[in-house]
Protein backbone atom coordinates (compact mmCIF):
# COMPACT_ATOMS: atom_id res chain seq x y z
CA UNK A 1 137.63 62.82 69.45
CA UNK A 2 138.67 63.42 72.90
CA UNK A 3 141.79 61.67 74.79
CA UNK A 4 141.73 61.57 78.33
CA UNK A 5 144.44 61.06 80.78
CA UNK A 6 144.35 61.14 84.67
CA UNK A 7 146.57 63.54 86.09
CA UNK A 8 149.61 62.60 88.10
CA UNK A 9 148.89 65.06 90.90
CA UNK A 10 146.39 62.80 92.68
CA UNK A 11 147.40 59.62 94.81
CA UNK A 12 144.78 57.21 96.08
CA UNK A 13 144.33 54.05 98.52
CA UNK A 14 141.58 51.91 99.23
CA UNK A 15 139.32 52.12 101.74
CA UNK A 16 136.76 49.29 102.29
CA UNK A 17 134.38 49.83 99.17
CA UNK A 18 136.10 53.41 97.84
CA UNK A 19 139.15 54.48 96.26
CA UNK A 20 140.14 57.36 98.40
CA UNK A 21 141.54 60.24 96.30
CA UNK A 22 143.92 62.80 97.52
CA UNK A 23 145.38 65.87 95.69
CA UNK A 24 148.64 66.53 96.73
CA UNK A 25 149.18 70.17 96.48
CA UNK A 26 145.54 71.10 97.48
CA UNK A 27 144.77 68.53 99.92
CA UNK A 28 141.39 68.08 98.37
CA UNK A 29 139.75 64.65 98.49
CA UNK A 30 137.11 62.36 96.81
CA UNK A 31 136.28 58.75 96.87
CA UNK A 32 135.64 56.79 93.95
CA UNK A 33 132.82 53.85 93.74
CA UNK A 34 133.85 50.96 92.06
CA UNK A 35 133.08 51.87 88.58
CA UNK A 36 134.88 55.53 89.08
CA UNK A 37 137.71 53.55 90.31
CA UNK A 38 137.88 50.80 87.48
CA UNK A 39 137.89 53.97 84.92
CA UNK A 40 140.46 55.52 86.82
CA UNK A 41 142.96 52.81 86.65
CA UNK A 42 141.74 52.38 82.77
CA UNK A 43 143.02 56.00 82.44
CA UNK A 44 146.33 54.91 83.04
CA UNK A 45 147.05 54.73 79.71
CA UNK A 46 145.27 57.67 77.73
CA UNK A 47 142.16 56.29 76.26
CA UNK A 48 139.01 57.49 73.93
CA UNK A 49 135.24 57.52 75.14
CA UNK A 50 134.97 54.61 73.05
CA UNK A 51 137.83 52.50 74.52
CA UNK A 52 136.39 53.52 78.28
CA UNK A 53 133.08 52.21 77.21
CA UNK A 54 134.39 48.97 75.32
CA UNK A 55 136.45 48.17 78.76
CA UNK A 56 133.87 49.13 81.47
CA UNK A 57 130.90 47.19 79.27
CA UNK A 58 133.29 44.14 80.02
CA UNK A 59 133.88 44.08 83.06
CA UNK A 60 130.34 45.30 84.21
CA UNK A 61 127.23 43.87 83.43
CA UNK A 62 125.89 46.93 81.68
CA UNK A 63 124.41 47.75 77.99
CA UNK A 64 127.19 50.14 75.76
CA UNK A 65 124.46 52.91 75.51
CA UNK A 66 123.86 52.97 79.34
CA UNK A 67 127.80 53.08 80.13
CA UNK A 68 128.45 55.29 76.96
CA UNK A 69 125.91 57.69 78.89
CA UNK A 70 127.71 57.03 82.63
CA UNK A 71 131.09 57.48 81.29
CA UNK A 72 129.90 61.12 79.86
CA UNK A 73 128.80 61.90 82.99
CA UNK A 74 131.83 60.57 84.83
CA UNK A 75 134.47 62.09 82.73
CA UNK A 76 132.27 65.39 82.92
CA UNK A 77 132.74 65.20 87.23
CA UNK A 78 136.43 64.11 86.87
CA UNK A 79 137.05 67.02 84.74
CA UNK A 80 135.30 69.27 87.15
CA UNK A 81 137.56 68.00 89.95
CA UNK A 82 140.76 68.03 87.87
CA UNK A 83 140.71 64.36 88.00
CA UNK A 84 141.56 63.95 84.37
CA UNK A 85 142.63 66.20 81.65
CA UNK A 86 141.49 66.21 77.70
CA UNK A 87 144.78 65.34 75.92
CA UNK A 88 142.99 65.70 72.56
């Protein structure tokens, strides 16, 4: 089971309807939509995929299967941008 943790070298602030994140060392930036921003907040504590899906399903009107597929894509993108790291 993979456990994800957000990386500490990103900071962000809310700008209109997006959470704008900047990488402290490289200066790269990215804007997260509501769902991605919520996942980012949840990852303040390390979580596995199923925990993320359960929390996001409660917060948004989405079926668990659809949410699971979206979480998989989101974690793939967040890993690609070095927003999250796999702990286990």
